[in-house]
C-alpha atoms as a PDB file:
ATOM      1  CA  UNK A   1       0.054   0.103  -0.156  1.00  0.00           C
ATOM      2  CA  UNK A   2       1.468   3.386  -0.758  1.00  0.00           C
ATOM      3  CA  UNK A   3       2.333   5.669   2.024  1.00  0.00           C
ATOM      4  CA  UNK A   4       3.060   9.509   2.047  1.00  0.00           C
ATOM      5  CA  UNK A   5       5.721  11.025   3.758  1.00  0.00           C
ATOM      6  CA  UNK A   6       5.637  14.672   4.772  1.00  0.00           C
ATOM      7  CA  UNK A   7       8.837  16.598   5.453  1.00  0.00           C
ATOM      8  CA  UNK A   8       9.499  20.090   6.532  1.00  0.00           C
ATOM      9  CA  UNK A   9      12.222  22.033   8.209  1.00  0.00           C
ATOM     10  CA  UNK A  10      13.572  25.694   8.780  1.00  0.00           C
ATOM     11  CA  UNK A  11      15.376  26.819   5.550  1.00  0.00           C
ATOM     12  CA  UNK A  12      16.795  30.404   4.659  1.00  0.00           C
ATOM     13  CA  UNK A  13      17.181  29.686   0.929  1.00  0.00           C
ATOM     14  CA  UNK A  14      17.992  29.619  -1.817  1.00  0.00           C
ATOM     15  CA  UNK A  15      14.468  29.902  -3.024  1.00  0.00           C
ATOM     16  CA  UNK A  16      12.878  29.286  -6.455  1.00  0.00           C
ATOM     17  CA  UNK A  17      15.405  28.941  -9.582  1.00  0.00           C
ATOM     18  CA  UNK A  18      18.230  29.837  -7.638  1.00  0.00           C
ATOM     19  CA  UNK A  19      17.162  26.429  -5.524  1.00  0.00           C
ATOM     20  CA  UNK A  20      16.586  24.452  -8.458  1.00  0.00           C
ATOM     21  CA  UNK A  21      20.305  25.072  -9.540  1.00  0.00           C
ATOM     22  CA  UNK A  22      21.688  24.691  -5.919  1.00  0.00           C
ATOM     23  CA  UNK A  23      20.000  21.369  -5.141  1.00  0.00           C
ATOM     24  CA  UNK A  24      19.539  19.663  -8.725  1.00  0.00           C
ATOM     25  CA  UNK A  25      22.142  17.059  -7.688  1.00  0.00           C
ATOM     26  CA  UNK A  26      19.986  16.311  -4.541  1.00  0.00           C
ATOM     27  CA  UNK A  27      16.975  15.990  -6.507  1.00  0.00           C
ATOM     28  CA  UNK A  28      18.633  13.493  -8.962  1.00  0.00           C
ATOM     29  CA  UNK A  29      19.827  11.283  -5.977  1.00  0.00           C
ATOM     30  CA  UNK A  30      16.403  11.357  -4.138  1.00  0.00           C
ATOM     31  CA  UNK A  31      14.971  10.218  -7.360  1.00  0.00           C
ATOM     32  CA  UNK A  32      16.892   7.153  -7.419  1.00  0.00           C
ATOM     33  CA  UNK A  33      15.534   6.214  -3.336  1.00  0.00           C
ATOM     34  CA  UNK A  34      14.319   2.676  -3.025  1.00  0.00           C
ATOM     35  CA  UNK A  35      10.169   2.875  -2.928  1.00  0.00           C
ATOM     36  CA  UNK A  36       9.760   6.468  -4.240  1.00  0.00           C
ATOM     37  CA  UNK A  37       7.100   7.103  -6.655  1.00  0.00           C
ATOM     38  CA  UNK A  38       7.390  10.853  -6.806  1.00  0.00           C
ATOM     39  CA  UNK A  39       8.071  13.900  -4.468  1.00  0.00           C
ATOM     40  CA  UNK A  40       6.776  17.378  -4.791  1.00  0.00           C
ATOM     41  CA  UNK A  41       9.206  19.902  -3.211  1.00  0.00           C
ATOM     42  CA  UNK A  42       7.889  22.588  -1.101  1.00  0.00           C
ATOM     43  CA  UNK A  43       9.408  26.181  -0.324  1.00  0.00           C
ATOM     44  CA  UNK A  44       7.976  29.165   1.569  1.00  0.00           C
ATOM     45  CA  UNK A  45      10.171  32.312   1.678  1.00  0.00           C
ATOM     46  CA  UNK A  46       7.735  34.139   3.920  1.00  0.00           C
ATOM     47  CA  UNK A  47       8.017  31.339   6.983  1.00  0.00           C
ATOM     48  CA  UNK A  48      11.554  30.171   5.976  1.00  0.00           C
ATOM     49  CA  UNK A  49      10.623  26.764   5.354  1.00  0.00           C
ATOM     50  CA  UNK A  50      11.114  24.226   3.027  1.00  0.00           C
ATOM     51  CA  UNK A  51      10.391  20.432   2.510  1.00  0.00           C
ATOM     52  CA  UNK A  52       8.493  18.016   0.453  1.00  0.00           C
ATOM     53  CA  UNK A  53       5.677  15.803   0.091  1.00  0.00           C
ATOM     54  CA  UNK A  54       6.707  12.137  -1.113  1.00  0.00           C
ATOM     55  CA  UNK A  55       4.849   9.114  -2.200  1.00  0.00           C
ATOM     56  CA  UNK A  56       6.460   5.793  -1.524  1.00  0.00           C
ATOM     57  CA  UNK A  57       5.607   2.559  -2.638  1.00  0.00           C
ATOM     58  CA  UNK A  58       5.557   0.881   1.260  1.00  0.00           C
ATOM     59  CA  UNK A  59       6.080   2.220   4.811  1.00  0.00           C
ATOM     60  CA  UNK A  60       9.272   0.508   5.227  1.00  0.00           C
ATOM     61  CA  UNK A  61      10.881   2.546   2.160  1.00  0.00           C
ATOM     62  CA  UNK A  62       9.372   5.849   3.707  1.00  0.00           C
ATOM     63  CA  UNK A  63      10.762   5.010   7.101  1.00  0.00           C
ATOM     64  CA  UNK A  64      14.156   3.939   5.769  1.00  0.00           C
ATOM     65  CA  UNK A  65      14.129   7.332   3.850  1.00  0.00           C
ATOM     66  CA  UNK A  66      13.235   9.350   6.456  1.00  0.00           C
ATOM     67  CA  UNK A  67      15.708   8.225   8.870  1.00  0.00           C
ATOM     68  CA  UNK A  68      18.632   8.971   5.957  1.00  0.00           C
ATOM     69  CA  UNK A  69      17.355  12.134   5.283  1.00  0.00           C
ATOM     70  CA  UNK A  70      16.991  13.291   8.474  1.00  0.00           C
ATOM     71  CA  UNK A  71      20.539  12.413   9.247  1.00  0.00           C
ATOM     72  CA  UNK A  72      21.533  14.149   5.841  1.00  0.00           C
ATOM     73  CA  UNK A  73      19.648  17.572   6.486  1.00  0.00           C
ATOM     74  CA  UNK A  74      21.108  17.537  10.035  1.00  0.00           C
ATOM     75  CA  UNK A  75      24.497  16.938   8.627  1.00  0.00           C
ATOM     76  CA  UNK A  76      23.838  20.043   6.323  1.00  0.00           C
ATOM     77  CA  UNK A  77      23.254  22.068   9.710  1.00  0.00           C
ATOM     78  CA  UNK A  78      19.502  22.030   9.776  1.00  0.00           C
ATOM     79  CA  UNK A  79      18.312  22.200  13.561  1.00  0.00           C
ATOM     80  CA  UNK A  80      15.240  20.280  13.343  1.00  0.00           C
ATOM     81  CA  UNK A  81      13.239  17.935  10.752  1.00  0.00           C
ATOM     82  CA  UNK A  82       9.669  17.265  10.880  1.00  0.00           C
ATOM     83  CA  UNK A  83       8.811  14.139   9.368  1.00  0.00           C
ATOM     84  CA  UNK A  84       5.107  12.329   9.267  1.00  0.00           C
ATOM     85  CA  UNK A  85       3.997   9.275   7.476  1.00  0.00           C
ATOM     86  CA  UNK A  86       0.698   8.593   6.441  1.00  0.00           C
ATOM     87  CA  UNK A  87      -1.621   5.685   4.879  1.00  0.00           C
ATOM     88  CA  UNK A  88      -3.151   6.633   1.590  1.00  0.00           C
ATOM     89  CA  UNK A  89      -6.764   5.686   0.948  1.00  0.00           C
ATOM     90  CA  UNK A  90      -6.387   4.790  -2.630  1.00  0.00           C
ATOM     91  CA  UNK A  91      -9.812   4.536  -3.719  1.00  0.00           C
ATOM     92  CA  UNK A  92     -10.729   8.175  -2.255  1.00  0.00           C
ATOM     93  CA  UNK A  93      -7.754   9.643  -3.548  1.00  0.00           C
ATOM     94  CA  UNK A  94      -8.766   8.132  -6.857  1.00  0.00           C
ATOM     95  CA  UNK A  95     -11.790  10.503  -6.726  1.00  0.00           C
ATOM     96  CA  UNK A  96      -9.800  13.408  -6.231  1.00  0.00           C
ATOM     97  CA  UNK A  97      -7.634  12.894  -9.238  1.00  0.00           C
ATOM     98  CA  UNK A  98      -4.635  11.794  -7.153  1.00  0.00           C
ATOM     99  CA  UNK A  99      -1.878  10.520  -9.562  1.00  0.00           C
ATOM    100  CA  UNK A 100      -1.446   7.157  -7.747  1.00  0.00           C
END
């Protein structure tokens, strides 16, 4: 069953196109993570937060990624990483056009 992972953390930039240029290599690395179906990158300069919404094929893949990514972000100097994993109700999500 697919699971959704929500991650957010304090971030001071770069934003927009500069973020894309700076983090392209990281995005390419994330695309290769076991069990990853897709990721939506999130950024909010007004609140100095960034993160992502991920869809994983299964809970073990999401849990392993969250542990690894939290350690990676901490290594980058991010002081706090918030992560939550949710089961996906595929039937209701399909009604609302989720790309499952």
